[in-house]
Amino acid sequence: MNRPHVTLKLATSLDGRIATAAGESRWITGEAARAQVQKLRAETHAVMIGVGTARADDPELLARTDPPPRRQPIRVVLDTEFSFSPSGRLFDSLDRATLLIIGAADGDKSRREALEAAGARTAGVSRGPVGIDAEAALVALWDHGVERVLCEGGGQLAASLLVAEVVDRLEWFRAPIVLGAEGRPGVGPLALTQLSQASRWRRVALRELGPDIWESYERVS
């Protein structure tokens, strides 16, 4: 099955949290780490997030590099029911980059039409056990000409991609802070009952970015 190469980016505390219990996440990592994420965006064809992250952060998902990239990546939001409001920074920047919202093929038709009327592109795919089917969403991206996609969260989306075994590379930025169990996890539930079920990864790079650590991993086949 043709699909894009998938890189999962995590920016977490030492204990794997992406936000406090109240949702505060700006900024966990420092300026150097954030600048590197902008470079990763500029090098990919699409940047993908879940609708929960889109609502909570109101991001633009543009690559802000100097010099600017030759082209901006497609911004992708996975939203099963096409429930995302057609407003905010993703829509305010449609003149700079494409916005593609992927939901269930049987999702709310009127909401999907409202998103399209506001300037977004949409795609409908099959449902999975929770939300839309991750592999089907990636096939839809491939059909839109996307060969490389950078997933920036949140935890539920990261978990769905890992469970589907479609993540090819991890880019993990860790800040020297600890947020505790009440913080929001970078990866949601995986429903593992045995260690043998866990996916295996090989670290291929380790760098220091100011106070932060940046590690790269590739999946072990």
N, C-alpha and C. Protein backbone atom coordinates (compact mmCIF):
# COMPACT_ATOMS: atom_id res chain seq x y z
N MET A 1 0.84 -1.20 0.00
CA MET A 1 0.00 0.00 0.00
C MET A 1 0.88 1.25 0.00
N ASN A 2 0.66 2.13 -0.97
CA ASN A 2 1.43 3.37 -1.04
C ASN A 2 0.98 4.34 0.04
N ARG A 3 1.94 4.89 0.76
CA ARG A 3 1.67 5.90 1.78
C ARG A 3 2.92 6.76 1.93
N PRO A 4 2.79 7.93 2.54
CA PRO A 4 3.97 8.77 2.76
C PRO A 4 4.88 8.19 3.85
N HIS A 5 6.12 8.63 3.83
CA HIS A 5 7.04 8.39 4.94
C HIS A 5 6.57 9.26 6.10
N VAL A 6 6.44 8.67 7.28
CA VAL A 6 5.86 9.36 8.43
C VAL A 6 6.93 9.60 9.49
N THR A 7 7.10 10.87 9.85
CA THR A 7 7.96 11.26 10.97
C THR A 7 7.08 11.80 12.08
N LEU A 8 7.24 11.23 13.27
CA LEU A 8 6.50 11.70 14.44
C LEU A 8 7.42 12.59 15.26
N LYS A 9 7.01 13.86 15.45
CA LYS A 9 7.78 14.80 16.26
C LYS A 9 7.17 14.89 17.65
N LEU A 10 8.01 14.73 18.66
CA LEU A 10 7.57 14.88 20.04
C LEU A 10 8.41 15.95 20.71
N ALA A 11 7.78 16.89 21.37
CA ALA A 11 8.48 17.89 22.18
C ALA A 11 7.92 17.76 23.58
N THR A 12 8.69 17.16 24.48
CA THR A 12 8.16 16.75 25.77
C THR A 12 9.08 17.15 26.93
N SER A 13 8.54 16.99 28.11
CA SER A 13 9.33 17.04 29.33
C SER A 13 10.14 15.75 29.43
N LEU A 14 11.00 15.65 30.45
CA LEU A 14 11.77 14.43 30.64
C LEU A 14 10.88 13.21 30.85
N ASP A 15 9.69 13.43 31.43
CA ASP A 15 8.78 12.32 31.69
C ASP A 15 7.70 12.19 30.61
N GLY A 16 7.97 12.71 29.43
CA GLY A 16 7.11 12.44 28.28
C GLY A 16 5.81 13.20 28.23
N ARG A 17 5.74 14.37 28.87
CA ARG A 17 4.51 15.16 28.88
C ARG A 17 4.63 16.33 27.90
N ILE A 18 3.52 16.65 27.23
CA ILE A 18 3.52 17.73 26.25
C ILE A 18 2.82 18.98 26.76
N ALA A 19 2.20 18.89 27.92
CA ALA A 19 1.50 20.04 28.49
C ALA A 19 1.17 19.74 29.95
N THR A 20 0.86 20.79 30.69
CA THR A 20 0.38 20.60 32.05
C THR A 20 -1.05 20.06 32.02
N ALA A 21 -1.56 19.72 33.17
CA ALA A 21 -2.94 19.23 33.24
C ALA A 21 -3.92 20.27 32.74
N ALA A 22 -3.57 21.55 32.88
CA ALA A 22 -4.44 22.64 32.42
C ALA A 22 -4.28 22.93 30.94
N GLY A 23 -3.32 22.26 30.29
CA GLY A 23 -3.13 22.44 28.85
C GLY A 23 -2.03 23.42 28.47
N GLU A 24 -1.31 23.98 29.44
CA GLU A 24 -0.24 24.93 29.11
C GLU A 24 0.94 24.18 28.49
N SER A 25 1.35 24.62 27.30
CA SER A 25 2.44 23.94 26.60
C SER A 25 3.47 24.87 25.99
N ARG A 26 3.25 26.16 26.02
CA ARG A 26 4.18 27.12 25.40
C ARG A 26 5.00 27.81 26.47
N TRP A 27 6.32 27.61 26.48
CA TRP A 27 6.98 26.67 25.59
C TRP A 27 7.71 25.65 26.45
N ILE A 28 7.54 24.36 26.16
CA ILE A 28 8.24 23.33 26.90
C ILE A 28 9.71 23.32 26.51
N THR A 29 10.00 23.31 25.23
CA THR A 29 11.38 23.32 24.76
C THR A 29 11.84 24.75 24.47
N GLY A 30 13.15 24.92 24.33
CA GLY A 30 13.73 26.24 24.15
C GLY A 30 13.76 26.70 22.71
N GLU A 31 14.33 27.87 22.51
CA GLU A 31 14.33 28.52 21.20
C GLU A 31 15.07 27.70 20.15
N ALA A 32 16.20 27.10 20.49
CA ALA A 32 16.97 26.33 19.51
C ALA A 32 16.19 25.12 19.03
N ALA A 33 15.51 24.44 19.96
CA ALA A 33 14.71 23.28 19.58
C ALA A 33 13.55 23.69 18.69
N ARG A 34 12.91 24.79 19.02
CA ARG A 34 11.78 25.26 18.20
C ARG A 34 12.24 25.66 16.81
N ALA A 35 13.43 26.23 16.70
CA ALA A 35 13.96 26.60 15.38
C ALA A 35 14.22 25.35 14.55
N GLN A 36 14.67 24.28 15.18
CA GLN A 36 14.91 23.05 14.44
C GLN A 36 13.61 22.44 13.93
N VAL A 37 12.54 22.56 14.72
CA VAL A 37 11.24 22.07 14.27
C VAL A 37 10.79 22.82 13.02
N GLN A 38 11.05 24.12 12.97
CA GLN A 38 10.71 24.89 11.77
C GLN A 38 11.45 24.35 10.54
N LYS A 39 12.70 23.95 10.73
CA LYS A 39 13.45 23.37 9.61
C LYS A 39 12.86 22.03 9.19
N LEU A 40 12.43 21.23 10.16
CA LEU A 40 11.79 19.96 9.82
C LEU A 40 10.52 20.20 9.02
N ARG A 41 9.75 21.21 9.40
CA ARG A 41 8.55 21.55 8.63
C ARG A 41 8.90 21.93 7.20
N ALA A 42 9.93 22.75 7.05
CA ALA A 42 10.31 23.23 5.73
C ALA A 42 10.77 22.11 4.81
N GLU A 43 11.25 21.00 5.40
CA GLU A 43 11.79 19.90 4.61
C GLU A 43 10.75 18.84 4.25
N THR A 44 9.53 18.98 4.78
CA THR A 44 8.52 17.95 4.54
C THR A 44 7.45 18.46 3.57
N HIS A 45 6.61 17.54 3.12
CA HIS A 45 5.52 17.91 2.20
C HIS A 45 4.25 18.31 2.93
N ALA A 46 4.06 17.78 4.15
CA ALA A 46 2.84 18.06 4.90
C ALA A 46 3.13 17.99 6.40
N VAL A 47 2.40 18.81 7.15
CA VAL A 47 2.45 18.79 8.61
C VAL A 47 1.06 18.41 9.09
N MET A 48 0.98 17.41 9.97
CA MET A 48 -0.31 16.85 10.37
C MET A 48 -0.51 16.93 11.87
N ILE A 49 -1.72 17.33 12.28
CA ILE A 49 -2.11 17.35 13.69
C ILE A 49 -3.53 16.82 13.82
N GLY A 50 -3.92 16.52 15.05
CA GLY A 50 -5.29 16.14 15.33
C GLY A 50 -6.13 17.36 15.62
N VAL A 51 -7.44 17.20 15.55
CA VAL A 51 -8.33 18.34 15.72
C VAL A 51 -8.26 18.90 17.14
N GLY A 52 -7.96 18.05 18.12
CA GLY A 52 -7.84 18.55 19.49
C GLY A 52 -6.69 19.53 19.62
N THR A 53 -5.58 19.23 19.00
CA THR A 53 -4.43 20.13 19.00
C THR A 53 -4.75 21.40 18.23
N ALA A 54 -5.48 21.26 17.13
CA ALA A 54 -5.85 22.43 16.34
C ALA A 54 -6.70 23.39 17.16
N ARG A 55 -7.62 22.85 17.94
CA ARG A 55 -8.49 23.71 18.77
C ARG A 55 -7.70 24.33 19.92
N ALA A 56 -6.88 23.53 20.58
CA ALA A 56 -6.20 23.99 21.78
C ALA A 56 -5.12 25.04 21.48
N ASP A 57 -4.38 24.83 20.37
CA ASP A 57 -3.22 25.68 20.10
C ASP A 57 -3.49 26.78 19.07
N ASP A 58 -4.54 26.63 18.27
CA ASP A 58 -4.81 27.58 17.18
C ASP A 58 -3.54 27.89 16.40
N PRO A 59 -2.89 26.86 15.83
CA PRO A 59 -1.61 27.07 15.16
C PRO A 59 -1.78 27.51 13.71
N GLU A 60 -0.70 28.03 13.13
CA GLU A 60 -0.66 28.27 11.69
C GLU A 60 -0.04 27.08 10.96
N LEU A 61 0.91 26.42 11.61
CA LEU A 61 1.65 25.29 11.05
C LEU A 61 2.47 25.67 9.83
N LEU A 62 2.86 26.95 9.75
CA LEU A 62 3.74 27.39 8.69
C LEU A 62 5.19 27.14 9.09
N ALA A 63 6.06 26.93 8.11
CA ALA A 63 7.48 26.79 8.36
C ALA A 63 8.09 28.18 8.38
N ARG A 64 8.61 28.58 9.52
CA ARG A 64 9.19 29.92 9.67
C ARG A 64 10.71 29.78 9.72
N THR A 65 11.33 29.86 8.56
CA THR A 65 12.77 29.74 8.46
C THR A 65 13.35 30.96 7.76
N ASP A 66 14.63 31.17 7.92
CA ASP A 66 15.33 32.26 7.26
C ASP A 66 16.52 31.69 6.49
N PRO A 67 16.45 31.69 5.13
CA PRO A 67 15.38 32.27 4.32
C PRO A 67 14.12 31.40 4.35
N PRO A 68 12.98 31.97 3.95
CA PRO A 68 11.73 31.20 3.94
C PRO A 68 11.84 30.01 2.99
N PRO A 69 11.08 28.94 3.25
CA PRO A 69 11.12 27.78 2.35
C PRO A 69 10.57 28.13 0.97
N ARG A 70 11.00 27.36 0.00
CA ARG A 70 10.53 27.59 -1.38
C ARG A 70 9.02 27.40 -1.47
N ARG A 71 8.51 26.48 -0.69
CA ARG A 71 7.07 26.28 -0.62
C ARG A 71 6.72 25.84 0.79
N GLN A 72 5.53 26.21 1.23
CA GLN A 72 5.05 25.80 2.54
C GLN A 72 4.44 24.40 2.47
N PRO A 73 4.59 23.60 3.53
CA PRO A 73 3.95 22.29 3.53
C PRO A 73 2.43 22.41 3.60
N ILE A 74 1.75 21.40 3.11
CA ILE A 74 0.31 21.31 3.29
C ILE A 74 0.02 21.14 4.79
N ARG A 75 -0.92 21.91 5.32
CA ARG A 75 -1.34 21.72 6.72
C ARG A 75 -2.50 20.73 6.75
N VAL A 76 -2.39 19.68 7.55
CA VAL A 76 -3.39 18.61 7.59
C VAL A 76 -3.95 18.49 9.00
N VAL A 77 -5.27 18.47 9.10
CA VAL A 77 -5.95 18.26 10.38
C VAL A 77 -6.82 17.01 10.24
N LEU A 78 -6.63 16.06 11.15
CA LEU A 78 -7.49 14.88 11.18
C LEU A 78 -8.67 15.17 12.11
N ASP A 79 -9.86 15.12 11.54
CA ASP A 79 -11.08 15.53 12.26
C ASP A 79 -12.22 14.61 11.82
N THR A 80 -12.47 13.57 12.58
CA THR A 80 -13.38 12.51 12.17
C THR A 80 -14.73 13.04 11.69
N GLU A 81 -15.34 13.95 12.43
CA GLU A 81 -16.69 14.41 12.11
C GLU A 81 -16.71 15.77 11.39
N PHE A 82 -15.56 16.24 10.93
CA PHE A 82 -15.47 17.57 10.29
C PHE A 82 -16.06 18.64 11.21
N SER A 83 -15.71 18.54 12.49
CA SER A 83 -16.30 19.42 13.49
C SER A 83 -15.51 20.70 13.73
N PHE A 84 -14.35 20.83 13.09
CA PHE A 84 -13.49 21.99 13.32
C PHE A 84 -14.17 23.26 12.80
N SER A 85 -14.10 24.31 13.59
CA SER A 85 -14.71 25.58 13.19
C SER A 85 -13.90 26.22 12.07
N PRO A 86 -14.54 26.69 11.00
CA PRO A 86 -13.82 27.30 9.87
C PRO A 86 -13.35 28.71 10.20
N SER A 87 -12.48 28.82 11.19
CA SER A 87 -11.96 30.11 11.62
C SER A 87 -10.61 29.88 12.27
N GLY A 88 -9.95 30.95 12.69
CA GLY A 88 -8.67 30.83 13.36
C GLY A 88 -7.50 30.98 12.40
N ARG A 89 -6.31 30.76 12.93
CA ARG A 89 -5.08 31.05 12.19
C ARG A 89 -4.86 30.13 11.00
N LEU A 90 -5.35 28.89 11.06
CA LEU A 90 -5.20 28.00 9.91
C LEU A 90 -5.96 28.55 8.70
N PHE A 91 -7.11 29.13 8.94
CA PHE A 91 -7.91 29.70 7.85
C PHE A 91 -7.42 31.09 7.48
N ASP A 92 -6.90 31.84 8.44
CA ASP A 92 -6.39 33.18 8.15
C ASP A 92 -5.18 33.14 7.23
N SER A 93 -4.49 32.00 7.16
CA SER A 93 -3.26 31.90 6.37
C SER A 93 -3.43 31.03 5.13
N LEU A 94 -4.66 30.87 4.66
CA LEU A 94 -4.90 30.04 3.47
C LEU A 94 -4.20 30.58 2.22
N ASP A 95 -3.89 31.88 2.21
CA ASP A 95 -3.20 32.45 1.06
C ASP A 95 -1.73 32.04 1.03
N ARG A 96 -1.25 31.43 2.11
CA ARG A 96 0.16 31.06 2.20
C ARG A 96 0.39 29.55 2.09
N ALA A 97 -0.61 28.75 2.46
CA ALA A 97 -0.44 27.30 2.44
C ALA A 97 -1.80 26.62 2.41
N THR A 98 -1.85 25.45 1.77
CA THR A 98 -3.06 24.66 1.67
C THR A 98 -3.44 24.06 3.01
N LEU A 99 -4.72 24.01 3.29
CA LEU A 99 -5.25 23.36 4.48
C LEU A 99 -6.13 22.19 4.03
N LEU A 100 -5.78 20.99 4.47
CA LEU A 100 -6.53 19.78 4.13
C LEU A 100 -7.08 19.17 5.42
N ILE A 101 -8.38 18.99 5.48
CA ILE A 101 -9.02 18.38 6.65
C ILE A 101 -9.54 17.00 6.25
N ILE A 102 -9.05 15.98 6.94
CA ILE A 102 -9.41 14.60 6.64
C ILE A 102 -10.34 14.09 7.73
N GLY A 103 -11.51 13.62 7.32
CA GLY A 103 -12.47 13.07 8.26
C GLY A 103 -13.05 11.78 7.74
N ALA A 104 -14.08 11.31 8.41
CA ALA A 104 -14.74 10.07 7.99
C ALA A 104 -15.58 10.33 6.75
N ALA A 105 -15.59 9.36 5.85
CA ALA A 105 -16.37 9.51 4.63
C ALA A 105 -17.85 9.71 4.93
N ASP A 106 -18.30 9.16 6.06
CA ASP A 106 -19.70 9.33 6.45
C ASP A 106 -19.86 10.40 7.53
N GLY A 107 -18.87 11.29 7.64
CA GLY A 107 -18.94 12.37 8.61
C GLY A 107 -19.99 13.40 8.23
N ASP A 108 -20.17 14.39 9.09
CA ASP A 108 -21.21 15.39 8.91
C ASP A 108 -21.04 16.15 7.58
N LYS A 109 -22.00 15.98 6.67
CA LYS A 109 -21.89 16.56 5.34
C LYS A 109 -21.95 18.08 5.36
N SER A 110 -22.86 18.65 6.15
CA SER A 110 -23.00 20.11 6.16
C SER A 110 -21.75 20.78 6.74
N ARG A 111 -21.16 20.18 7.77
CA ARG A 111 -19.94 20.75 8.34
C ARG A 111 -18.78 20.65 7.34
N ARG A 112 -18.72 19.53 6.64
CA ARG A 112 -17.68 19.38 5.62
C ARG A 112 -17.81 20.45 4.54
N GLU A 113 -19.04 20.69 4.10
CA GLU A 113 -19.28 21.71 3.09
C GLU A 113 -18.92 23.11 3.60
N ALA A 114 -19.15 23.37 4.88
CA ALA A 114 -18.81 24.67 5.46
C ALA A 114 -17.30 24.88 5.47
N LEU A 115 -16.56 23.82 5.76
CA LEU A 115 -15.10 23.92 5.75
C LEU A 115 -14.59 24.19 4.33
N GLU A 116 -15.19 23.53 3.36
CA GLU A 116 -14.79 23.75 1.97
C GLU A 116 -15.15 25.16 1.51
N ALA A 117 -16.32 25.65 1.93
CA ALA A 117 -16.74 27.00 1.57
C ALA A 117 -15.79 28.04 2.14
N ALA A 118 -15.17 27.72 3.29
CA ALA A 118 -14.23 28.65 3.93
C ALA A 118 -12.84 28.57 3.31
N GLY A 119 -12.62 27.63 2.37
CA GLY A 119 -11.35 27.57 1.66
C GLY A 119 -10.50 26.35 1.92
N ALA A 120 -10.94 25.48 2.82
CA ALA A 120 -10.17 24.27 3.10
C ALA A 120 -10.50 23.19 2.07
N ARG A 121 -9.54 22.31 1.83
CA ARG A 121 -9.82 21.09 1.09
C ARG A 121 -10.21 20.01 2.10
N THR A 122 -10.99 19.03 1.67
CA THR A 122 -11.39 17.95 2.56
C THR A 122 -11.22 16.61 1.86
N ALA A 123 -11.10 15.58 2.67
CA ALA A 123 -11.05 14.21 2.16
C ALA A 123 -11.76 13.32 3.15
N GLY A 124 -12.52 12.37 2.64
CA GLY A 124 -13.24 11.43 3.49
C GLY A 124 -12.66 10.04 3.38
N VAL A 125 -12.39 9.40 4.53
CA VAL A 125 -11.80 8.06 4.54
C VAL A 125 -12.59 7.18 5.50
N SER A 126 -12.21 5.93 5.58
CA SER A 126 -12.92 4.98 6.44
C SER A 126 -12.60 5.23 7.91
N ARG A 127 -13.49 4.77 8.76
CA ARG A 127 -13.29 4.89 10.20
C ARG A 127 -12.42 3.74 10.70
N GLY A 128 -11.69 4.02 11.79
CA GLY A 128 -10.92 3.00 12.48
C GLY A 128 -11.54 2.68 13.81
N PRO A 129 -10.84 1.94 14.67
CA PRO A 129 -11.36 1.61 16.00
C PRO A 129 -11.66 2.86 16.83
N VAL A 130 -10.80 3.87 16.70
CA VAL A 130 -11.01 5.15 17.37
C VAL A 130 -10.75 6.25 16.35
N GLY A 131 -11.78 6.98 15.97
CA GLY A 131 -11.60 8.01 14.95
C GLY A 131 -11.46 7.41 13.57
N ILE A 132 -10.75 8.13 12.70
CA ILE A 132 -10.59 7.63 11.35
C ILE A 132 -9.42 6.66 11.27
N ASP A 133 -9.41 5.85 10.24
CA ASP A 133 -8.36 4.87 10.04
C ASP A 133 -7.06 5.56 9.66
N ALA A 134 -6.00 5.37 10.45
CA ALA A 134 -4.74 6.08 10.24
C ALA A 134 -4.13 5.74 8.88
N GLU A 135 -4.14 4.48 8.50
CA GLU A 135 -3.56 4.10 7.22
C GLU A 135 -4.35 4.69 6.06
N ALA A 136 -5.68 4.73 6.18
CA ALA A 136 -6.50 5.31 5.13
C ALA A 136 -6.21 6.80 4.98
N ALA A 137 -5.99 7.49 6.10
CA ALA A 137 -5.66 8.91 6.04
C ALA A 137 -4.34 9.14 5.31
N LEU A 138 -3.37 8.26 5.56
CA LEU A 138 -2.08 8.39 4.88
C LEU A 138 -2.20 8.11 3.39
N VAL A 139 -3.04 7.16 3.02
CA VAL A 139 -3.27 6.90 1.59
C VAL A 139 -3.89 8.13 0.93
N ALA A 140 -4.81 8.79 1.64
CA ALA A 140 -5.42 10.01 1.11
C ALA A 140 -4.34 11.09 0.90
N LEU A 141 -3.39 11.19 1.82
CA LEU A 141 -2.30 12.15 1.64
C LEU A 141 -1.45 11.79 0.43
N TRP A 142 -1.16 10.52 0.27
CA TRP A 142 -0.39 10.05 -0.90
C TRP A 142 -1.10 10.44 -2.19
N ASP A 143 -2.43 10.29 -2.18
CA ASP A 143 -3.20 10.66 -3.37
C ASP A 143 -3.17 12.17 -3.63
N HIS A 144 -2.85 12.96 -2.60
CA HIS A 144 -2.70 14.42 -2.75
C HIS A 144 -1.26 14.81 -3.06
N GLY A 145 -0.42 13.82 -3.37
CA GLY A 145 0.96 14.10 -3.76
C GLY A 145 1.93 14.24 -2.62
N VAL A 146 1.52 13.83 -1.41
CA VAL A 146 2.38 13.95 -0.23
C VAL A 146 3.24 12.69 -0.09
N GLU A 147 4.55 12.86 -0.14
CA GLU A 147 5.47 11.74 0.02
C GLU A 147 6.11 11.69 1.40
N ARG A 148 6.13 12.82 2.11
CA ARG A 148 6.68 12.88 3.46
C ARG A 148 5.77 13.73 4.33
N VAL A 149 5.44 13.21 5.50
CA VAL A 149 4.56 13.95 6.41
C VAL A 149 5.19 13.99 7.79
N LEU A 150 5.10 15.16 8.42
CA LEU A 150 5.58 15.37 9.79
C LEU A 150 4.37 15.47 10.69
N CYS A 151 4.23 14.53 11.63
CA CYS A 151 3.12 14.56 12.57
C CYS A 151 3.56 15.27 13.84
N GLU A 152 2.80 16.30 14.23
CA GLU A 152 3.16 17.09 15.41
C GLU A 152 2.18 16.92 16.57
N GLY A 153 1.35 15.89 16.55
CA GLY A 153 0.51 15.62 17.72
C GLY A 153 -0.95 15.97 17.49
N GLY A 154 -1.68 15.75 18.56
CA GLY A 154 -1.32 15.42 19.94
C GLY A 154 -1.19 13.94 20.24
N GLY A 155 -1.37 13.64 21.55
CA GLY A 155 -1.11 12.31 22.03
C GLY A 155 -1.97 11.23 21.42
N GLN A 156 -3.25 11.52 21.18
CA GLN A 156 -4.14 10.51 20.59
C GLN A 156 -3.73 10.19 19.16
N LEU A 157 -3.37 11.22 18.38
CA LEU A 157 -2.95 10.99 17.01
C LEU A 157 -1.64 10.20 17.00
N ALA A 158 -0.70 10.57 17.87
CA ALA A 158 0.57 9.84 17.94
C ALA A 158 0.32 8.37 18.24
N ALA A 159 -0.57 8.10 19.19
CA ALA A 159 -0.86 6.72 19.55
C ALA A 159 -1.49 5.96 18.39
N SER A 160 -2.41 6.59 17.67
CA SER A 160 -3.08 5.89 16.57
C SER A 160 -2.09 5.53 15.46
N LEU A 161 -1.13 6.40 15.21
CA LEU A 161 -0.12 6.10 14.20
C LEU A 161 0.83 4.99 14.65
N LEU A 162 1.20 5.01 15.93
CA LEU A 162 2.07 3.97 16.46
C LEU A 162 1.38 2.62 16.48
N VAL A 163 0.11 2.60 16.88
CA VAL A 163 -0.63 1.34 16.89
C VAL A 163 -0.75 0.77 15.49
N ALA A 164 -0.94 1.64 14.50
CA ALA A 164 -1.06 1.20 13.11
C ALA A 164 0.29 0.83 12.50
N GLU A 165 1.38 1.07 13.24
CA GLU A 165 2.74 0.74 12.80
C GLU A 165 3.10 1.44 11.49
N VAL A 166 2.75 2.73 11.43
CA VAL A 166 3.05 3.50 10.22
C VAL A 166 4.05 4.62 10.48
N VAL A 167 4.58 4.72 11.70
CA VAL A 167 5.60 5.73 11.98
C VAL A 167 6.96 5.17 11.59
N ASP A 168 7.67 5.87 10.74
CA ASP A 168 8.97 5.42 10.25
C ASP A 168 10.13 6.02 11.04
N ARG A 169 9.92 7.21 11.60
CA ARG A 169 11.01 7.92 12.28
C ARG A 169 10.44 8.76 13.41
N LEU A 170 11.18 8.84 14.51
CA LEU A 170 10.83 9.69 15.64
C LEU A 170 11.86 10.81 15.76
N GLU A 171 11.37 12.04 15.91
CA GLU A 171 12.23 13.18 16.24
C GLU A 171 11.75 13.67 17.60
N TRP A 172 12.56 13.42 18.63
CA TRP A 172 12.12 13.65 20.00
C TRP A 172 12.97 14.74 20.65
N PHE A 173 12.30 15.83 21.00
CA PHE A 173 12.94 16.96 21.67
C PHE A 173 12.52 16.92 23.14
N ARG A 174 13.52 16.84 24.05
CA ARG A 174 13.22 16.72 25.47
C ARG A 174 13.78 17.91 26.24
N ALA A 175 12.92 18.52 27.03
CA ALA A 175 13.31 19.65 27.86
C ALA A 175 13.63 19.17 29.27
N PRO A 176 14.54 19.82 29.98
CA PRO A 176 14.94 19.38 31.32
C PRO A 176 13.96 19.83 32.40
N ILE A 177 12.70 19.42 32.24
CA ILE A 177 11.68 19.69 33.24
C ILE A 177 10.87 18.42 33.45
N VAL A 178 10.18 18.33 34.57
CA VAL A 178 9.34 17.19 34.90
C VAL A 178 7.94 17.71 35.24
N LEU A 179 6.91 17.18 34.59
CA LEU A 179 5.55 17.67 34.77
C LEU A 179 4.66 16.72 35.56
N GLY A 180 5.04 15.46 35.70
CA GLY A 180 4.27 14.55 36.53
C GLY A 180 3.13 13.86 35.79
N ALA A 181 2.52 12.91 36.48
CA ALA A 181 1.50 12.07 35.86
C ALA A 181 0.27 12.84 35.45
N GLU A 182 -0.01 13.99 36.10
CA GLU A 182 -1.19 14.76 35.73
C GLU A 182 -0.99 15.55 34.44
N GLY A 183 0.24 15.65 33.97
CA GLY A 183 0.50 16.32 32.70
C GLY A 183 -0.05 15.51 31.53
N ARG A 184 -0.21 16.17 30.40
CA ARG A 184 -0.77 15.49 29.23
C ARG A 184 0.32 14.72 28.48
N PRO A 185 0.10 13.43 28.24
CA PRO A 185 1.16 12.59 27.65
C PRO A 185 1.38 12.89 26.17
N GLY A 186 2.64 12.74 25.74
CA GLY A 186 2.97 12.91 24.33
C GLY A 186 2.41 11.80 23.46
N VAL A 187 2.19 10.63 24.05
CA VAL A 187 1.61 9.48 23.35
C VAL A 187 0.45 8.96 24.18
N GLY A 188 -0.70 8.83 23.57
CA GLY A 188 -1.88 8.34 24.25
C GLY A 188 -1.82 6.84 24.49
N PRO A 189 -2.91 6.25 25.02
CA PRO A 189 -2.93 4.81 25.33
C PRO A 189 -2.66 3.94 24.10
N LEU A 190 -1.83 2.92 24.31
CA LEU A 190 -1.51 1.97 23.24
C LEU A 190 -2.12 0.59 23.48
N ALA A 191 -2.73 0.40 24.65
CA ALA A 191 -3.41 -0.86 24.99
C ALA A 191 -2.46 -2.05 24.93
N LEU A 192 -1.23 -1.85 25.39
CA LEU A 192 -0.26 -2.95 25.43
C LEU A 192 -0.43 -3.72 26.74
N THR A 193 -0.31 -5.04 26.66
CA THR A 193 -0.38 -5.87 27.87
C THR A 193 0.93 -6.58 28.14
N GLN A 194 1.83 -6.61 27.14
CA GLN A 194 3.12 -7.28 27.30
C GLN A 194 4.22 -6.43 26.67
N LEU A 195 5.42 -6.50 27.23
CA LEU A 195 6.55 -5.76 26.67
C LEU A 195 6.84 -6.18 25.24
N SER A 196 6.58 -7.44 24.93
CA SER A 196 6.87 -7.94 23.58
C SER A 196 6.01 -7.26 22.52
N GLN A 197 4.93 -6.61 22.94
CA GLN A 197 4.04 -5.93 21.99
C GLN A 197 4.54 -4.52 21.66
N ALA A 198 5.48 -4.01 22.43
CA ALA A 198 5.96 -2.65 22.22
C ALA A 198 6.77 -2.55 20.94
N SER A 199 6.60 -1.44 20.23
CA SER A 199 7.41 -1.21 19.04
C SER A 199 8.84 -0.93 19.45
N ARG A 200 9.78 -1.29 18.59
CA ARG A 200 11.20 -1.16 18.88
C ARG A 200 11.82 -0.11 17.96
N TRP A 201 12.77 0.65 18.54
CA TRP A 201 13.36 1.76 17.81
C TRP A 201 14.87 1.76 17.99
N ARG A 202 15.56 2.25 16.97
CA ARG A 202 17.02 2.36 16.99
C ARG A 202 17.41 3.83 16.95
N ARG A 203 18.15 4.28 17.96
CA ARG A 203 18.56 5.68 17.97
C ARG A 203 19.66 5.90 16.95
N VAL A 204 19.47 6.90 16.10
CA VAL A 204 20.43 7.16 15.03
C VAL A 204 21.14 8.50 15.20
N ALA A 205 20.69 9.33 16.14
CA ALA A 205 21.35 10.61 16.37
C ALA A 205 20.97 11.15 17.74
N LEU A 206 21.91 11.88 18.36
CA LEU A 206 21.70 12.52 19.65
C LEU A 206 22.45 13.86 19.64
N ARG A 207 21.71 14.97 19.88
CA ARG A 207 22.34 16.29 19.87
C ARG A 207 21.85 17.09 21.06
N GLU A 208 22.65 18.09 21.44
CA GLU A 208 22.26 19.06 22.45
C GLU A 208 21.85 20.35 21.75
N LEU A 209 20.69 20.87 22.14
CA LEU A 209 20.19 22.15 21.61
C LEU A 209 19.97 23.07 22.81
N GLY A 210 21.01 23.81 23.19
CA GLY A 210 20.91 24.60 24.41
C GLY A 210 20.66 23.66 25.57
N PRO A 211 19.62 23.90 26.37
CA PRO A 211 19.33 23.03 27.52
C PRO A 211 18.61 21.74 27.13
N ASP A 212 18.17 21.63 25.90
CA ASP A 212 17.34 20.51 25.46
C ASP A 212 18.17 19.42 24.78
N ILE A 213 17.59 18.24 24.69
CA ILE A 213 18.18 17.11 23.97
C ILE A 213 17.28 16.77 22.78
N TRP A 214 17.92 16.51 21.63
CA TRP A 214 17.19 16.10 20.43
C TRP A 214 17.69 14.72 20.02
N GLU A 215 16.77 13.75 20.03
CA GLU A 215 17.11 12.39 19.65
C GLU A 215 16.30 11.98 18.41
N SER A 216 16.93 11.25 17.51
CA SER A 216 16.27 10.71 16.33
C SER A 216 16.29 9.20 16.39
N TYR A 217 15.16 8.60 16.07
CA TYR A 217 15.03 7.14 16.09
C TYR A 217 14.42 6.67 14.78
N GLU A 218 14.83 5.48 14.35
CA GLU A 218 14.22 4.81 13.22
C GLU A 218 13.61 3.49 13.70
N ARG A 219 12.51 3.13 13.10
CA ARG A 219 11.80 1.92 13.53
C ARG A 219 12.61 0.69 13.19
N VAL A 220 12.65 -0.25 14.11
CA VAL A 220 13.31 -1.54 13.87
C VAL A 220 12.29 -2.46 13.23
N SER A 221 12.60 -2.97 12.07
CA SER A 221 11.65 -3.82 11.34
C SER A 221 11.43 -5.15 12.07
